[in-house]
């Protein structure tokens, strides 16, 4: 099987299950399984005899800890097996296995892609590499050796939104060991040195204990709506146009289910401040009364009077300005 196609297929299979997630924090467990390709091995002391292997399989289990900032650390146990394909271009038999323990460190890239969390990792540990009847004809390699091992990992996690802490993973791993000495019956010293190198594509699952659901998005509050009711000079009675605006405000208060309606009276600067204060209050009271007549509960209305202190259009004292003779209705 083509290795690149395998990696692409593994990624596509997991895509439909993607969801948003928070960084892993605290204890987690993980497991994965998939395909493993073991590179050709050349036996030392045999004149360059090369063994090639079929595509095999493997799996990992892990216990880890997330630090809540994208960094994770874990202990991993793994197993890989491949059958012999050819020995010196002749059909062979037997198999090779690798198994051991690794310590890994990861970094998760949150926020790069919606619903997908890419990650990279490195690991080091101790791996056993074993041959079982690997060879051709009467020539066999049997036995195992253990050496320091290292690996590099690149993957993506697809969080499952319905289950906080649960994620599907798809990843590629390169794992190799230092040169190992494997017993056989055909080299001069009955042992040959090989350097196992594995390429793996695994689909897996990871569960972080104690994960909390991602906070639900908070709907932005609807902005306050303002209606302006204008008055003639030195008047507080409602014109036909003023009643239309008040009716529109009353209808909107029911549609947006407002809980507070501010009715604020204003005046221009053509009279004394004391007179304009009273005039602005009478205007506000008349608008509030019309709102109540149209069905708005009186306990939802707050009446205020600002006289000439808050003009829409700043003017000199004594100036008649139509836009300043108003009542503002604000729905909150």
Protein backbone atom coordinates (compact mmCIF):
# COMPACT_ATOMS: atom_id res chain seq x y z
CA UNK A 1 0.00 0.00 0.00
CA UNK A 2 1.25 3.50 -0.86
CA UNK A 3 2.31 5.20 2.38
CA UNK A 4 1.07 8.69 1.45
CA UNK A 5 -2.34 7.31 0.47
CA UNK A 6 -2.56 5.55 3.80
CA UNK A 7 -1.90 8.76 5.73
CA UNK A 8 -4.45 10.71 3.68
CA UNK A 9 -7.07 7.99 4.14
CA UNK A 10 -6.56 7.97 7.89
CA UNK A 11 -7.06 11.73 8.05
CA UNK A 12 -10.19 11.76 5.87
CA UNK A 13 -11.83 9.01 7.91
CA UNK A 14 -11.62 11.13 11.03
CA UNK A 15 -12.67 14.48 9.52
CA UNK A 16 -16.47 14.13 9.92
CA UNK A 17 -16.07 13.72 13.68
CA UNK A 18 -14.33 17.07 14.29
CA UNK A 19 -15.53 19.49 16.96
CA UNK A 20 -14.21 22.31 19.08
CA UNK A 21 -12.13 21.58 22.18
CA UNK A 22 -10.16 23.19 24.98
CA UNK A 23 -6.47 22.43 25.68
CA UNK A 24 -5.95 19.14 27.50
CA UNK A 25 -5.52 19.71 31.23
CA UNK A 26 -4.92 16.92 33.71
CA UNK A 27 -4.79 13.14 33.35
CA UNK A 28 -5.66 11.45 30.06
CA UNK A 29 -5.46 8.02 28.41
CA UNK A 30 -5.01 7.19 24.76
CA UNK A 31 -4.77 4.28 22.36
CA UNK A 32 -4.19 3.85 18.64
CA UNK A 33 -3.70 1.19 16.02
CA UNK A 34 -2.96 1.02 12.30
CA UNK A 35 -0.40 0.19 9.66
CA UNK A 36 3.36 -0.13 10.06
CA UNK A 37 6.08 -0.17 7.41
CA UNK A 38 9.45 -1.57 8.49
CA UNK A 39 12.35 -0.40 6.33
CA UNK A 40 14.64 -2.97 4.67
CA UNK A 41 17.32 -4.39 6.96
CA UNK A 42 20.84 -5.30 5.85
CA UNK A 43 22.51 -8.03 7.94
CA UNK A 44 26.13 -7.23 8.78
CA UNK A 45 28.71 -9.98 8.17
CA UNK A 46 26.67 -11.61 5.38
CA UNK A 47 28.03 -9.79 2.35
CA UNK A 48 25.14 -7.33 2.28
CA UNK A 49 22.16 -9.68 2.59
CA UNK A 50 19.03 -7.50 2.68
CA UNK A 51 15.66 -8.43 4.14
CA UNK A 52 12.51 -6.59 3.04
CA UNK A 53 9.17 -6.71 4.82
CA UNK A 54 5.47 -6.61 3.98
CA UNK A 55 3.23 -3.86 5.31
CA UNK A 56 2.43 -4.79 8.88
CA UNK A 57 0.46 -3.48 11.82
CA UNK A 58 1.00 -1.93 15.20
CA UNK A 59 -0.58 -0.20 18.14
CA UNK A 60 0.10 2.06 21.12
CA UNK A 61 -1.45 2.75 24.51
CA UNK A 62 -0.54 5.78 26.61
CA UNK A 63 -1.05 7.50 29.95
CA UNK A 64 -0.45 11.23 29.96
CA UNK A 65 -0.87 14.62 31.56
CA UNK A 66 -1.92 17.86 29.90
CA UNK A 67 -0.75 21.16 31.34
CA UNK A 68 -3.61 23.26 29.95
CA UNK A 69 -1.32 25.33 27.69
CA UNK A 70 -0.93 22.94 24.73
CA UNK A 71 1.94 20.96 26.27
CA UNK A 72 1.42 17.28 27.11
CA UNK A 73 3.69 14.55 28.50
CA UNK A 74 3.00 10.83 28.45
CA UNK A 75 4.30 7.29 28.90
CA UNK A 76 3.60 4.96 25.98
CA UNK A 77 3.73 1.24 25.37
CA UNK A 78 3.85 0.07 21.74
CA UNK A 79 3.92 -3.03 19.55
CA UNK A 80 4.70 -3.43 15.81
CA UNK A 81 4.92 -6.53 13.61
CA UNK A 82 5.84 -7.12 9.97
CA UNK A 83 6.16 -10.36 8.00
CA UNK A 84 9.23 -11.01 5.84
CA UNK A 85 8.70 -10.36 2.15
CA UNK A 86 12.06 -11.17 0.54
CA UNK A 87 15.58 -12.15 1.56
CA UNK A 88 18.23 -11.24 -1.02
CA UNK A 89 15.44 -10.88 -3.63
CA UNK A 90 14.14 -14.38 -2.85
CA UNK A 91 10.74 -14.98 -1.26
CA UNK A 92 11.28 -15.28 2.47
CA UNK A 93 9.35 -16.22 5.56
CA UNK A 94 9.13 -15.34 9.23
CA UNK A 95 8.47 -12.01 10.90
CA UNK A 96 9.99 -9.12 12.84
CA UNK A 97 8.54 -7.44 15.92
CA UNK A 98 9.31 -4.28 17.91
CA UNK A 99 7.90 -3.54 21.35
CA UNK A 100 8.82 -1.38 24.29
CA UNK A 101 8.21 1.77 26.34
CA UNK A 102 8.67 5.42 25.37
CA UNK A 103 8.35 8.76 27.10
CA UNK A 104 6.81 11.44 24.85
CA UNK A 105 6.35 15.20 24.87
CA UNK A 106 3.74 16.91 22.67
CA UNK A 107 2.61 20.38 21.72
CA UNK A 108 -0.98 20.96 20.56
CA UNK A 109 -1.63 23.90 18.21
CA UNK A 110 -5.00 25.24 19.36
CA UNK A 111 -6.73 27.92 17.34
CA UNK A 112 -5.07 27.26 13.98
CA UNK A 113 -8.01 25.41 12.41
CA UNK A 114 -11.64 25.33 13.50
CA UNK A 115 -12.50 21.97 15.05
CA UNK A 116 -9.06 20.46 14.39
CA UNK A 117 -6.04 20.44 16.71
CA UNK A 118 -2.72 19.66 14.97
CA UNK A 119 0.10 18.45 17.20
CA UNK A 120 3.74 17.39 17.07
CA UNK A 121 5.75 15.27 19.46
CA UNK A 122 9.06 13.61 20.18
CA UNK A 123 9.84 10.57 22.27
CA UNK A 124 12.67 8.46 23.67
CA UNK A 125 12.75 5.09 25.37
CA UNK A 126 13.78 1.45 25.19
CA UNK A 127 12.67 -0.95 22.46
CA UNK A 128 13.12 -4.67 21.84
CA UNK A 129 13.48 -5.84 18.24
CA UNK A 130 12.85 -9.52 17.61
CA UNK A 131 13.10 -11.87 14.62
CA UNK A 132 11.12 -15.08 14.46
CA UNK A 133 12.30 -17.54 11.76
CA UNK A 134 13.13 -14.58 9.53
CA UNK A 135 15.02 -15.86 6.50
CA UNK A 136 14.92 -18.10 3.48
CA UNK A 137 15.43 -21.87 3.17
CA UNK A 138 17.50 -23.15 6.07
CA UNK A 139 18.92 -19.72 6.85
CA UNK A 140 17.07 -18.29 9.82
CA UNK A 141 17.31 -15.33 12.16
CA UNK A 142 15.81 -15.95 15.60
CA UNK A 143 16.14 -13.89 18.76
CA UNK A 144 15.97 -10.32 20.00
CA UNK A 145 17.99 -7.39 21.29
CA UNK A 146 17.04 -4.16 23.06
CA UNK A 147 18.43 -0.69 22.57
CA UNK A 148 17.69 3.01 23.07
CA UNK A 149 14.86 4.17 20.76
CA UNK A 150 13.57 7.53 19.60
CA UNK A 151 10.60 8.77 17.61
CA UNK A 152 8.98 11.79 15.97
CA UNK A 153 5.22 12.23 15.77
CA UNK A 154 2.89 14.48 13.78
CA UNK A 155 -0.87 14.25 14.03
CA UNK A 156 -4.25 15.89 14.30
CA UNK A 157 -6.96 15.52 16.95
CA UNK A 158 -10.67 15.77 16.17
CA UNK A 159 -12.51 16.61 19.43
CA UNK A 160 -16.00 15.18 19.94
CA UNK A 161 -18.08 18.09 21.18
CA UNK A 162 -20.85 15.90 22.64
CA UNK A 163 -18.36 14.16 24.98
CA UNK A 164 -16.02 16.66 26.71
CA UNK A 165 -12.45 15.34 26.79
CA UNK A 166 -12.93 12.79 24.01
CA UNK A 167 -11.01 13.13 20.73
CA UNK A 168 -10.26 10.99 17.69
CA UNK A 169 -6.63 11.13 16.59
CA UNK A 170 -4.83 10.46 13.30
CA UNK A 171 -1.05 10.51 13.28
CA UNK A 172 2.20 9.53 11.60
CA UNK A 173 5.13 8.16 13.64
CA UNK A 174 8.75 7.53 12.78
CA UNK A 175 10.40 5.22 15.31
CA UNK A 176 13.95 3.87 15.20
CA UNK A 177 16.50 2.32 17.56
CA UNK A 178 20.24 2.23 17.81
CA UNK A 179 21.94 -0.67 16.02
CA UNK A 180 20.82 -4.02 17.39
CA UNK A 181 22.51 -7.44 17.33
CA UNK A 182 20.14 -10.25 16.31
CA UNK A 183 21.12 -13.99 16.50
CA UNK A 184 21.08 -16.04 13.27
CA UNK A 185 22.50 -19.23 11.82
CA UNK A 186 24.17 -17.93 8.68
CA UNK A 187 26.64 -15.18 9.59
CA UNK A 188 30.23 -15.95 10.73
CA UNK A 189 29.52 -15.00 14.36
CA UNK A 190 25.90 -16.18 14.40
CA UNK A 191 24.82 -12.61 15.01
CA UNK A 192 24.18 -9.70 12.67
CA UNK A 193 23.68 -6.01 13.34
CA UNK A 194 20.53 -4.30 12.07
CA UNK A 195 18.99 -0.87 12.61
CA UNK A 196 15.17 -1.10 12.78
CA UNK A 197 13.30 1.91 11.38
CA UNK A 198 9.49 1.98 11.48
CA UNK A 199 6.96 4.27 9.79
CA UNK A 200 3.46 4.03 11.27
CA UNK A 201 0.05 5.53 10.55
CA UNK A 202 -2.36 5.15 13.47
CA UNK A 203 -5.98 6.05 14.11
CA UNK A 204 -6.75 6.38 17.78
CA UNK A 205 -8.84 7.75 20.59
CA UNK A 206 -7.90 9.96 23.54
CA UNK A 207 -9.90 10.78 26.64
CA UNK A 208 -9.02 13.52 29.13
CA UNK A 209 -10.60 13.04 32.55
CA UNK A 210 -12.32 15.97 34.19
CA UNK A 211 -12.71 17.97 31.00
CA UNK A 212 -15.52 20.50 31.13
CA UNK A 213 -17.79 21.43 28.22
CA UNK A 214 -16.63 24.40 26.19
CA UNK A 215 -18.53 27.51 27.30
CA UNK A 216 -21.55 28.17 25.15
CA UNK A 217 -21.25 31.29 23.04
CA UNK A 218 -22.93 34.23 24.72
CA UNK A 219 -25.39 35.99 22.49
CA UNK A 220 -24.63 39.68 22.16
CA UNK A 221 -27.36 41.74 23.77
CA UNK A 222 -29.57 43.52 21.32
CA UNK A 223 -28.53 47.17 21.21
CA UNK A 224 -30.84 49.66 22.86
CA UNK A 225 -33.33 51.25 20.46
CA UNK A 226 -34.07 54.97 20.66
CA UNK A 227 -37.13 56.84 19.40
CA UNK A 228 -37.24 60.67 19.26
CA UNK A 229 -40.50 62.57 19.79
CA UNK A 230 -40.26 66.28 18.88
CA UNK A 231 -42.38 69.18 20.18
CA UNK A 232 -43.35 72.67 19.05
CA UNK A 233 -41.81 75.63 20.83
CA UNK A 234 -42.99 75.99 24.41
CA UNK A 235 -45.49 73.14 23.96
CA UNK A 236 -45.89 69.77 25.65
CA UNK A 237 -48.87 68.37 23.71
CA UNK A 238 -48.46 65.45 21.32
CA UNK A 239 -48.81 66.00 17.57
CA UNK A 240 -50.13 63.33 15.23
CA UNK A 241 -46.55 62.59 14.13
CA UNK A 242 -45.48 62.29 17.77
CA UNK A 243 -48.25 59.74 18.43
CA UNK A 244 -47.10 57.65 15.44
CA UNK A 245 -43.55 57.54 16.81
CA UNK A 246 -44.78 56.60 20.30
CA UNK A 247 -46.95 53.82 18.82
CA UNK A 248 -43.91 52.50 16.95
CA UNK A 249 -41.91 52.49 20.20
CA UNK A 250 -44.70 50.64 22.02
CA UNK A 251 -44.88 47.96 19.33
CA UNK A 252 -41.12 47.50 19.37
CA UNK A 253 -41.06 47.18 23.15
CA UNK A 254 -43.24 44.07 22.84
CA UNK A 255 -41.23 42.64 19.93
CA UNK A 256 -37.82 42.88 21.64
CA UNK A 257 -39.29 42.05 25.07
CA UNK A 258 -37.68 45.06 26.70
CA UNK A 259 -37.68 45.18 30.50
CA UNK A 260 -36.88 48.88 30.92
CA UNK A 261 -38.16 51.84 28.92
CA UNK A 262 -36.50 55.18 29.60
CA UNK A 263 -38.53 58.27 28.75
CA UNK A 264 -36.33 61.38 28.96
CA UNK A 265 -37.63 64.91 28.44
CA UNK A 266 -35.56 67.80 27.03
CA UNK A 267 -35.96 71.47 26.11
CA UNK A 268 -34.11 74.10 24.12
CA UNK A 269 -32.42 77.16 25.71
CA UNK A 270 -35.03 79.76 24.84
CA UNK A 271 -36.39 80.05 28.41
CA UNK A 272 -34.98 79.98 31.92
CA UNK A 273 -33.38 76.75 33.15
CA UNK A 274 -36.08 76.38 35.83
CA UNK A 275 -38.90 76.75 33.33
CA UNK A 276 -37.27 74.39 30.84
CA UNK A 277 -36.81 71.76 33.55
CA UNK A 278 -40.54 71.74 34.23
CA UNK A 279 -41.39 71.83 30.52
CA UNK A 280 -39.18 68.80 29.81
CA UNK A 281 -40.84 66.87 32.65
CA UNK A 282 -44.35 67.63 31.30
CA UNK A 283 -43.29 66.43 27.88
CA UNK A 284 -41.88 63.18 29.33
CA UNK A 285 -45.03 62.56 31.38
CA UNK A 286 -47.25 63.03 28.32
CA UNK A 287 -45.19 60.56 26.29
CA UNK A 288 -45.24 58.04 29.14
CA UNK A 289 -49.01 58.36 29.45
CA UNK A 290 -49.41 57.64 25.74
CA UNK A 291 -47.22 54.55 26.08
CA UNK A 292 -49.37 53.28 28.95
CA UNK A 293 -52.52 53.96 26.89
CA UNK A 294 -51.01 51.77 24.16
CA UNK A 295 -50.50 48.86 26.56
CA UNK A 296 -46.98 49.35 27.94
CA UNK A 297 -46.88 48.48 31.68
CA UNK A 298 -46.29 51.60 33.77
CA UNK A 299 -43.80 49.76 36.02
CA UNK A 300 -41.48 49.27 33.02
CA UNK A 301 -41.25 53.01 32.34
CA UNK A 302 -38.64 55.26 33.94
CA UNK A 303 -39.33 58.98 33.52
CA UNK A 304 -36.48 61.52 33.54
CA UNK A 305 -36.28 65.26 32.87
CA UNK A 306 -33.06 66.99 31.83
CA UNK A 307 -34.38 70.45 30.88
CA UNK A 308 -31.86 72.22 28.64
CA UNK A 309 -28.77 70.39 30.04
CA UNK A 310 -28.42 67.77 27.28
CA UNK A 311 -29.02 69.36 23.88
CA UNK A 312 -28.72 67.40 20.64
CA UNK A 313 -27.50 70.60 18.99
CA UNK A 314 -25.40 72.88 21.22
CA UNK A 315 -26.61 76.50 21.05
CA UNK A 316 -26.18 79.81 22.79
CA UNK A 317 -28.59 80.73 25.55
CA UNK A 318 -31.97 81.93 24.28
CA UNK A 319 -31.78 80.13 20.90
CA UNK A 320 -34.84 78.21 19.74
CA UNK A 321 -33.60 74.88 18.39
CA UNK A 322 -36.30 72.38 17.22
CA UNK A 323 -34.09 69.28 17.69
CA UNK A 324 -33.55 70.11 21.34
CA UNK A 325 -37.32 70.18 22.07
CA UNK A 326 -37.73 66.44 22.35
CA UNK A 327 -38.43 63.31 24.41
CA UNK A 328 -36.16 60.30 23.96
CA UNK A 329 -37.72 56.83 24.33
CA UNK A 330 -34.99 54.21 24.90
CA UNK A 331 -35.87 50.48 24.94
CA UNK A 332 -33.51 48.32 26.99
